[in-house]
C-alpha atoms as a PDB file:
ATOM      1  CA  MET A   1    -116.574 211.805  72.917  1.00  0.00           C
ATOM      2  CA  ASP A   2    -113.620 213.308  73.230  1.00  0.00           C
ATOM      3  CA  HIS A   3    -110.942 211.977  71.073  1.00  0.00           C
ATOM      4  CA  SER A   4    -108.217 211.946  73.115  1.00  0.00           C
ATOM      5  CA  ASN A   5    -110.458 209.181  75.612  1.00  0.00           C
ATOM      6  CA  ILE A   6    -110.014 206.568  72.443  1.00  0.00           C
ATOM      7  CA  SER A   7    -106.950 204.531  72.541  1.00  0.00           C
ATOM      8  CA  THR A   8    -105.588 201.430  70.768  1.00  0.00           C
ATOM      9  CA  SER A   9    -104.127 200.513  74.175  1.00  0.00           C
ATOM     10  CA  PHE A  10    -106.306 199.084  76.888  1.00  0.00           C
ATOM     11  CA  ASP A  11    -106.007 202.006  79.642  1.00  0.00           C
ATOM     12  CA  ILE A  12    -106.446 205.826  78.694  1.00  0.00           C
ATOM     13  CA  ALA A  13    -103.369 207.624  80.220  1.00  0.00           C
ATOM     14  CA  GLY A  14    -104.057 209.814  83.251  1.00  0.00           C
ATOM     15  CA  ARG A  15    -107.962 208.287  83.565  1.00  0.00           C
ATOM     16  CA  ARG A  16    -108.774 205.264  85.363  1.00  0.00           C
ATOM     17  CA  ILE A  17    -111.609 202.917  83.954  1.00  0.00           C
ATOM     18  CA  THR A  18    -114.603 202.437  85.993  1.00  0.00           C
ATOM     19  CA  LYS A  19    -116.667 199.870  84.284  1.00  0.00           C
ATOM     20  CA  HIS A  20    -116.544 198.302  80.667  1.00  0.00           C
ATOM     21  CA  LEU A  21    -120.009 198.597  78.708  1.00  0.00           C
ATOM     22  CA  GLY A  22    -118.999 195.814  76.138  1.00  0.00           C
ATOM     23  CA  VAL A  23    -117.820 195.786  72.380  1.00  0.00           C
ATOM     24  CA  VAL A  24    -119.039 198.200  70.060  1.00  0.00           C
ATOM     25  CA  ARG A  25    -118.167 198.616  66.475  1.00  0.00           C
ATOM     26  CA  GLY A  26    -118.873 200.889  62.936  1.00  0.00           C
ATOM     27  CA  ILE A  27    -119.463 198.475  59.860  1.00  0.00           C
ATOM     28  CA  ILE A  28    -119.163 200.168  56.318  1.00  0.00           C
ATOM     29  CA  VAL A  29    -119.574 198.247  53.325  1.00  0.00           C
ATOM     30  CA  ARG A  30    -118.234 199.909  49.961  1.00  0.00           C
ATOM     31  CA  SER A  31    -117.570 199.564  46.659  1.00  0.00           C
ATOM     32  CA  ARG A  32    -115.673 201.005  43.880  1.00  0.00           C
ATOM     33  CA  SER A  33    -117.614 202.251  41.086  1.00  0.00           C
ATOM     34  CA  ILE A  34    -116.813 201.863  37.433  1.00  0.00           C
ATOM     35  CA  VAL A  35    -115.618 205.274  37.053  1.00  0.00           C
ATOM     36  CA  GLY A  36    -113.469 204.757  40.069  1.00  0.00           C
ATOM     37  CA  THR A  37    -112.007 201.440  38.681  1.00  0.00           C
ATOM     38  CA  VAL A  38    -111.291 202.967  35.239  1.00  0.00           C
ATOM     39  CA  ALA A  39    -109.750 206.072  36.989  1.00  0.00           C
ATOM     40  CA  ALA A  40    -107.327 203.757  39.070  1.00  0.00           C
ATOM     41  CA  GLY A  41    -106.374 201.831  36.366  1.00  0.00           C
ATOM     42  CA  LEU A  42    -105.231 204.624  34.474  1.00  0.00           C
ATOM     43  CA  GLN A  43    -102.935 205.817  37.409  1.00  0.00           C
ATOM     44  CA  THR A  44    -101.562 202.022  37.421  1.00  0.00           C
ATOM     45  CA  ILE A  45     -99.820 202.985  34.415  1.00  0.00           C
ATOM     46  CA  PHE A  46     -97.881 205.384  35.921  1.00  0.00           C
ATOM     47  CA  GLY A  47     -97.453 203.836  39.381  1.00  0.00           C
ATOM     48  CA  GLY A  48     -97.154 205.367  42.575  1.00  0.00           C
ATOM     49  CA  ASN A  49    -100.118 206.168  44.916  1.00  0.00           C
ATOM     50  CA  ILE A  50    -103.410 205.348  43.272  1.00  0.00           C
ATOM     51  CA  SER A  51    -105.629 208.337  45.348  1.00  0.00           C
ATOM     52  CA  ILE A  52    -108.448 207.523  44.524  1.00  0.00           C
ATOM     53  CA  TYR A  53    -108.846 204.287  46.067  1.00  0.00           C
ATOM     54  CA  THR A  54    -106.552 206.153  49.012  1.00  0.00           C
ATOM     55  CA  GLU A  55    -109.573 208.647  49.450  1.00  0.00           C
ATOM     56  CA  LEU A  56    -112.266 205.606  49.139  1.00  0.00           C
ATOM     57  CA  CYS A  57    -109.666 203.930  52.176  1.00  0.00           C
ATOM     58  CA  GLU A  58    -109.650 206.320  53.793  1.00  0.00           C
ATOM     59  CA  ARG A  59    -113.721 207.525  53.918  1.00  0.00           C
ATOM     60  CA  THR A  60    -114.875 204.165  54.711  1.00  0.00           C
ATOM     61  CA  ARG A  61    -112.179 204.043  57.853  1.00  0.00           C
ATOM     62  CA  ILE A  62    -113.430 207.422  59.193  1.00  0.00           C
ATOM     63  CA  ASP A  63    -117.277 206.592  58.367  1.00  0.00           C
ATOM     64  CA  ALA A  64    -116.581 203.013  60.359  1.00  0.00           C
ATOM     65  CA  TYR A  65    -114.775 205.086  63.363  1.00  0.00           C
ATOM     66  CA  GLU A  66    -117.618 207.730  63.539  1.00  0.00           C
ATOM     67  CA  GLN A  67    -120.063 204.780  63.510  1.00  0.00           C
ATOM     68  CA  MET A  68    -118.194 202.809  66.518  1.00  0.00           C
ATOM     69  CA  ILE A  69    -118.374 206.121  68.304  1.00  0.00           C
ATOM     70  CA  ALA A  70    -121.768 206.525  67.708  1.00  0.00           C
ATOM     71  CA  HIS A  71    -122.363 203.274  68.870  1.00  0.00           C
ATOM     72  CA  ALA A  72    -120.351 203.885  72.068  1.00  0.00           C
ATOM     73  CA  GLU A  73    -122.149 206.798  72.793  1.00  0.00           C
ATOM     74  CA  GLN A  74    -125.346 204.934  72.944  1.00  0.00           C
ATOM     75  CA  LEU A  75    -124.152 202.846  75.585  1.00  0.00           C
ATOM     76  CA  GLY A  76    -123.172 205.891  77.708  1.00  0.00           C
ATOM     77  CA  ALA A  77    -119.427 205.658  77.363  1.00  0.00           C
ATOM     78  CA  ASP A  78    -117.010 208.453  77.722  1.00  0.00           C
ATOM     79  CA  GLY A  79    -114.235 206.340  76.502  1.00  0.00           C
ATOM     80  CA  LEU A  80    -112.607 203.336  73.810  1.00  0.00           C
ATOM     81  CA  ILE A  81    -110.165 201.075  74.154  1.00  0.00           C
ATOM     82  CA  GLY A  82    -108.407 198.404  72.368  1.00  0.00           C
ATOM     83  CA  VAL A  83    -109.529 200.141  69.053  1.00  0.00           C
ATOM     84  CA  ARG A  84    -108.938 197.656  66.055  1.00  0.00           C
ATOM     85  CA  TYR A  85    -109.522 198.026  62.395  1.00  0.00           C
ATOM     86  CA  ASP A  86    -110.282 194.781  60.180  1.00  0.00           C
ATOM     87  CA  ALA A  87    -111.476 194.727  56.637  1.00  0.00           C
ATOM     88  CA  THR A  88    -112.364 191.836  54.328  1.00  0.00           C
ATOM     89  CA  GLU A  89    -113.171 191.579  50.964  1.00  0.00           C
ATOM     90  CA  ILE A  90    -116.544 190.418  50.272  1.00  0.00           C
ATOM     91  CA  MET A  91    -116.370 190.045  46.751  1.00  0.00           C
ATOM     92  CA  GLY A  92    -114.692 191.651  43.719  1.00  0.00           C
ATOM     93  CA  GLY A  93    -114.616 195.297  44.616  1.00  0.00           C
ATOM     94  CA  VAL A  94    -116.639 195.050  47.510  1.00  0.00           C
ATOM     95  CA  THR A  95    -114.916 195.430  50.856  1.00  0.00           C
ATOM     96  CA  GLU A  96    -115.939 195.715  54.018  1.00  0.00           C
ATOM     97  CA  VAL A  97    -114.310 197.551  57.247  1.00  0.00           C
ATOM     98  CA  LEU A  98    -115.366 197.048  60.738  1.00  0.00           C
ATOM     99  CA  CYS A  99    -113.868 199.493  63.067  1.00  0.00           C
ATOM    100  CA  TYR A 100    -114.214 197.802  66.780  1.00  0.00           C
ATOM    101  CA  GLY A 101    -113.298 198.689  70.416  1.00  0.00           C
ATOM    102  CA  THR A 102    -114.314 198.166  73.991  1.00  0.00           C
ATOM    103  CA  ALA A 103    -116.952 200.935  75.626  1.00  0.00           C
ATOM    104  CA  VAL A 104    -115.669 202.238  79.314  1.00  0.00           C
ATOM    105  CA  LYS A 105    -116.972 204.592  81.600  1.00  0.00           C
ATOM    106  CA  LEU A 106    -113.794 206.831  83.057  1.00  0.00           C
ATOM    107  CA  GLU A 107    -113.706 208.188  86.477  1.00  0.00           C
END
């Protein structure tokens, strides 16, 4: 899917939506490793960005986004609108990241 056809708004500039195919999603559940938790604990001593968690969060969001795109492509979509992210802590150290939107066909 062309990433220029993915939007957080409910239209795609310069394109006409011909059909709504439904909600699609990508869901990833990740846990922090003990090594990562210890390393992040050490980073908190010095303050600033906790890069280990930043990298984990970014990788998780990318994976959920790619899963959502794959789901849309399975439906025959060539666009996505209303794309959003949500995250929920399931239990200590375990987080679910959801990326969702509406799959569409474009003219």
